[in-house]
Every structure is written in structure tokens, then in C-alpha cells.
Amino acid sequence: MIYAISYDLRKKGQDYSGLYEAIKTLGAWAHYLESMWLVDTAIGADAIVDRLKGHFDGNDRLLVMKMTGDRQGLLSKAEWDWIKKHE
């Protein structure tokens, strides 16, 4: 199942490389937009947040949503192909 992971990182200059590496460990991933990742994983949204929340401070925001059904956007064919392959 594909989950969208979106965030606002509000502390400029902070090193978020640990967050990015943690996202990559969740499963197959795609990073097409600056502050949004798509992850194909068997774990649910609660578990994803539990694994990532240690990388955020009190000013940051995080949203994790299961991608289902209706979706559209301005992505390349290769990016849409990744989504179709993992749905």
C-alpha cells in the first residue's frame, strides 16, 4: 500500500538527513516533490508516524495518508508508472 508522507520543516538550517534515511527504511519509496514522499509499505499510518516523529521538533508538521482511488497531478510518465507499479 502506498502512503503519502508530507511535512513542513520549519527550522531552517537543521539537519534532517536522519528523517530522510528513516523514510527510506519504510519500503520502496519515491521523492518527487520537495516535502512529500511516497512509500510502499505494509505498516500503517500510526506506525509510520511512530517511526518518524523523533526526527521532528515542536514547530514541524507531519501528515501521513494512505493513497487510494482518485488522484491526479502533474508528474512525469515515469513517476506515474512508479505509483501504478506499487498500488
N, C-alpha and C. Protein backbone atom coordinates (compact mmCIF):
# COMPACT_ATOMS: atom_id res chain seq x y z
N MET A 1 0.84 -1.16 0.00
CA MET A 1 0.00 0.00 0.00
C MET A 1 0.89 1.24 0.00
N ILE A 2 0.53 2.22 -0.80
CA ILE A 2 1.30 3.46 -0.86
C ILE A 2 0.75 4.47 0.15
N TYR A 3 1.66 5.05 0.91
CA TYR A 3 1.34 6.14 1.83
C TYR A 3 2.07 7.39 1.36
N ALA A 4 1.38 8.52 1.45
CA ALA A 4 1.99 9.81 1.20
C ALA A 4 2.45 10.38 2.53
N ILE A 5 3.70 10.80 2.58
CA ILE A 5 4.27 11.42 3.77
C ILE A 5 4.60 12.85 3.40
N SER A 6 3.90 13.80 4.03
CA SER A 6 4.10 15.22 3.76
C SER A 6 4.51 15.92 5.05
N TYR A 7 5.32 16.96 4.91
CA TYR A 7 5.78 17.65 6.11
C TYR A 7 6.12 19.10 5.81
N ASP A 8 6.12 19.91 6.85
CA ASP A 8 6.67 21.26 6.85
C ASP A 8 7.78 21.26 7.89
N LEU A 9 9.00 21.50 7.44
CA LEU A 9 10.15 21.57 8.33
C LEU A 9 10.45 23.04 8.55
N ARG A 10 10.12 23.53 9.70
CA ARG A 10 10.11 24.98 9.92
C ARG A 10 11.39 25.54 10.51
N LYS A 11 12.33 24.72 10.83
CA LYS A 11 13.57 25.20 11.42
C LYS A 11 14.66 25.18 10.35
N LYS A 12 14.89 26.31 9.74
CA LYS A 12 15.88 26.40 8.66
C LYS A 12 17.27 26.06 9.18
N GLY A 13 18.02 25.37 8.36
CA GLY A 13 19.39 25.03 8.71
C GLY A 13 19.54 23.78 9.55
N GLN A 14 18.44 23.19 9.99
CA GLN A 14 18.51 21.96 10.78
C GLN A 14 18.82 20.78 9.84
N ASP A 15 19.56 19.81 10.34
CA ASP A 15 19.92 18.65 9.55
C ASP A 15 18.82 17.60 9.64
N TYR A 16 18.09 17.41 8.55
CA TYR A 16 17.00 16.44 8.51
C TYR A 16 17.40 15.15 7.78
N SER A 17 18.69 14.93 7.59
CA SER A 17 19.13 13.73 6.87
C SER A 17 18.67 12.45 7.57
N GLY A 18 18.59 12.46 8.89
CA GLY A 18 18.10 11.29 9.62
C GLY A 18 16.65 10.98 9.28
N LEU A 19 15.84 12.03 9.11
CA LEU A 19 14.45 11.84 8.70
C LEU A 19 14.39 11.19 7.33
N TYR A 20 15.16 11.70 6.40
CA TYR A 20 15.13 11.15 5.03
C TYR A 20 15.57 9.68 5.03
N GLU A 21 16.58 9.36 5.80
CA GLU A 21 17.02 7.96 5.87
C GLU A 21 15.97 7.09 6.52
N ALA A 22 15.28 7.60 7.54
CA ALA A 22 14.22 6.84 8.20
C ALA A 22 13.08 6.56 7.23
N ILE A 23 12.72 7.54 6.42
CA ILE A 23 11.66 7.33 5.42
C ILE A 23 12.08 6.23 4.45
N LYS A 24 13.31 6.24 4.02
CA LYS A 24 13.80 5.25 3.05
C LYS A 24 13.76 3.83 3.60
N THR A 25 13.80 3.66 4.93
CA THR A 25 13.78 2.32 5.50
C THR A 25 12.38 1.72 5.56
N LEU A 26 11.35 2.52 5.28
CA LEU A 26 9.97 2.05 5.39
C LEU A 26 9.57 1.10 4.26
N GLY A 27 10.23 1.18 3.13
CA GLY A 27 9.90 0.34 1.98
C GLY A 27 10.32 1.04 0.70
N ALA A 28 9.80 0.56 -0.42
CA ALA A 28 10.10 1.22 -1.70
C ALA A 28 9.58 2.65 -1.61
N TRP A 29 10.37 3.60 -2.10
CA TRP A 29 10.00 5.00 -1.92
C TRP A 29 10.22 5.80 -3.21
N ALA A 30 9.51 6.91 -3.28
CA ALA A 30 9.68 7.88 -4.36
C ALA A 30 9.62 9.27 -3.74
N HIS A 31 10.45 10.16 -4.26
CA HIS A 31 10.52 11.52 -3.70
C HIS A 31 10.45 12.51 -4.86
N TYR A 32 9.23 12.81 -5.31
CA TYR A 32 9.02 13.65 -6.49
C TYR A 32 8.80 15.11 -6.15
N LEU A 33 8.35 15.41 -4.94
CA LEU A 33 8.09 16.79 -4.52
C LEU A 33 8.95 17.10 -3.30
N GLU A 34 9.34 18.34 -3.13
CA GLU A 34 10.32 18.70 -2.12
C GLU A 34 9.98 18.21 -0.71
N SER A 35 8.75 18.36 -0.27
CA SER A 35 8.41 17.97 1.09
C SER A 35 7.33 16.89 1.13
N MET A 36 7.41 15.98 0.15
CA MET A 36 6.47 14.86 0.12
C MET A 36 7.16 13.62 -0.44
N TRP A 37 6.93 12.51 0.22
CA TRP A 37 7.46 11.22 -0.21
C TRP A 37 6.29 10.27 -0.40
N LEU A 38 6.46 9.31 -1.29
CA LEU A 38 5.53 8.19 -1.43
C LEU A 38 6.29 6.95 -1.00
N VAL A 39 5.66 6.14 -0.16
CA VAL A 39 6.31 4.93 0.35
C VAL A 39 5.37 3.75 0.21
N ASP A 40 5.85 2.68 -0.38
CA ASP A 40 5.10 1.42 -0.48
C ASP A 40 5.51 0.57 0.71
N THR A 41 4.60 0.43 1.68
CA THR A 41 4.93 -0.25 2.92
C THR A 41 3.75 -1.05 3.43
N ALA A 42 4.03 -2.07 4.21
CA ALA A 42 2.97 -2.90 4.79
C ALA A 42 2.50 -2.37 6.14
N ILE A 43 3.22 -1.41 6.71
CA ILE A 43 2.80 -0.87 8.01
C ILE A 43 1.82 0.28 7.80
N GLY A 44 1.04 0.59 8.81
CA GLY A 44 0.02 1.62 8.72
C GLY A 44 0.53 3.01 9.09
N ALA A 45 -0.37 3.98 8.97
CA ALA A 45 -0.03 5.38 9.22
C ALA A 45 0.47 5.61 10.65
N ASP A 46 -0.17 4.97 11.65
CA ASP A 46 0.27 5.14 13.04
C ASP A 46 1.71 4.69 13.21
N ALA A 47 2.05 3.55 12.64
CA ALA A 47 3.41 3.02 12.77
C ALA A 47 4.41 3.90 12.03
N ILE A 48 4.01 4.44 10.89
CA ILE A 48 4.90 5.34 10.15
C ILE A 48 5.20 6.57 11.00
N VAL A 49 4.17 7.19 11.56
CA VAL A 49 4.38 8.37 12.41
C VAL A 49 5.26 8.02 13.60
N ASP A 50 5.02 6.87 14.23
CA ASP A 50 5.85 6.46 15.37
C ASP A 50 7.32 6.36 14.98
N ARG A 51 7.59 5.85 13.80
CA ARG A 51 8.98 5.70 13.36
C ARG A 51 9.64 7.03 12.99
N LEU A 52 8.85 8.01 12.57
CA LEU A 52 9.42 9.27 12.08
C LEU A 52 9.41 10.41 13.09
N LYS A 53 8.52 10.36 14.08
CA LYS A 53 8.29 11.53 14.92
C LYS A 53 9.52 11.98 15.70
N GLY A 54 10.45 11.12 15.96
CA GLY A 54 11.67 11.51 16.66
C GLY A 54 12.57 12.45 15.87
N HIS A 55 12.31 12.59 14.58
CA HIS A 55 13.11 13.46 13.71
C HIS A 55 12.52 14.86 13.57
N PHE A 56 11.40 15.11 14.24
CA PHE A 56 10.71 16.40 14.14
C PHE A 56 10.82 17.15 15.45
N ASP A 57 10.82 18.48 15.38
CA ASP A 57 10.73 19.26 16.61
C ASP A 57 9.31 19.83 16.73
N GLY A 58 9.05 20.58 17.78
CA GLY A 58 7.71 21.05 18.06
C GLY A 58 7.12 21.99 17.04
N ASN A 59 7.95 22.60 16.20
CA ASN A 59 7.47 23.53 15.17
C ASN A 59 7.15 22.85 13.86
N ASP A 60 7.67 21.66 13.64
CA ASP A 60 7.47 20.95 12.38
C ASP A 60 6.07 20.34 12.33
N ARG A 61 5.63 20.01 11.13
CA ARG A 61 4.34 19.36 10.93
C ARG A 61 4.53 18.14 10.05
N LEU A 62 3.69 17.11 10.29
CA LEU A 62 3.78 15.84 9.57
C LEU A 62 2.37 15.35 9.28
N LEU A 63 2.15 14.85 8.06
CA LEU A 63 0.88 14.26 7.66
C LEU A 63 1.17 12.98 6.88
N VAL A 64 0.56 11.87 7.31
CA VAL A 64 0.72 10.58 6.64
C VAL A 64 -0.67 10.12 6.22
N MET A 65 -0.84 9.82 4.93
CA MET A 65 -2.14 9.39 4.40
C MET A 65 -1.97 8.23 3.44
N LYS A 66 -2.89 7.27 3.55
CA LYS A 66 -2.93 6.16 2.59
C LYS A 66 -3.45 6.70 1.26
N MET A 67 -2.77 6.37 0.17
CA MET A 67 -3.21 6.80 -1.15
C MET A 67 -4.17 5.78 -1.72
N THR A 68 -5.38 6.20 -1.97
CA THR A 68 -6.37 5.31 -2.56
C THR A 68 -7.15 6.04 -3.63
N GLY A 69 -7.64 5.28 -4.59
CA GLY A 69 -8.59 5.78 -5.57
C GLY A 69 -8.19 7.01 -6.36
N ASP A 70 -9.03 8.01 -6.28
CA ASP A 70 -8.94 9.20 -7.11
C ASP A 70 -7.70 10.03 -6.80
N ARG A 71 -6.87 10.26 -7.81
CA ARG A 71 -5.69 11.11 -7.67
C ARG A 71 -5.31 11.65 -9.05
N GLN A 72 -4.70 12.78 -9.05
CA GLN A 72 -4.27 13.40 -10.29
C GLN A 72 -3.18 14.40 -9.97
N GLY A 73 -2.40 14.75 -10.94
CA GLY A 73 -1.33 15.72 -10.73
C GLY A 73 -0.51 15.91 -11.98
N LEU A 74 0.53 16.69 -11.84
CA LEU A 74 1.43 16.99 -12.95
C LEU A 74 2.77 16.32 -12.68
N LEU A 75 2.82 15.04 -12.96
CA LEU A 75 4.03 14.25 -12.78
C LEU A 75 4.44 13.68 -14.13
N SER A 76 5.67 13.21 -14.21
CA SER A 76 6.15 12.59 -15.44
C SER A 76 5.54 11.20 -15.60
N LYS A 77 5.65 10.65 -16.80
CA LYS A 77 5.16 9.30 -17.05
C LYS A 77 5.87 8.30 -16.15
N ALA A 78 7.17 8.46 -15.97
CA ALA A 78 7.93 7.54 -15.11
C ALA A 78 7.44 7.62 -13.66
N GLU A 79 7.10 8.80 -13.20
CA GLU A 79 6.61 8.96 -11.84
C GLU A 79 5.24 8.30 -11.67
N TRP A 80 4.35 8.49 -12.63
CA TRP A 80 3.05 7.82 -12.59
C TRP A 80 3.22 6.31 -12.70
N ASP A 81 4.17 5.86 -13.51
CA ASP A 81 4.42 4.42 -13.63
C ASP A 81 4.83 3.82 -12.29
N TRP A 82 5.66 4.55 -11.51
CA TRP A 82 6.06 4.07 -10.18
C TRP A 82 4.84 3.90 -9.30
N ILE A 83 3.96 4.88 -9.31
CA ILE A 83 2.74 4.81 -8.50
C ILE A 83 1.89 3.62 -8.92
N LYS A 84 1.68 3.44 -10.20
CA LYS A 84 0.86 2.32 -10.69
C LYS A 84 1.49 0.99 -10.33
N LYS A 85 2.80 0.90 -10.40
CA LYS A 85 3.50 -0.35 -10.08
C LYS A 85 3.32 -0.73 -8.62
N HIS A 86 3.21 0.25 -7.73
CA HIS A 86 3.16 -0.01 -6.29
C HIS A 86 1.77 0.05 -5.68
N GLU A 87 0.76 0.32 -6.50
CA GLU A 87 -0.60 0.39 -5.90
C GLU A 87 -1.19 -0.97 -5.68
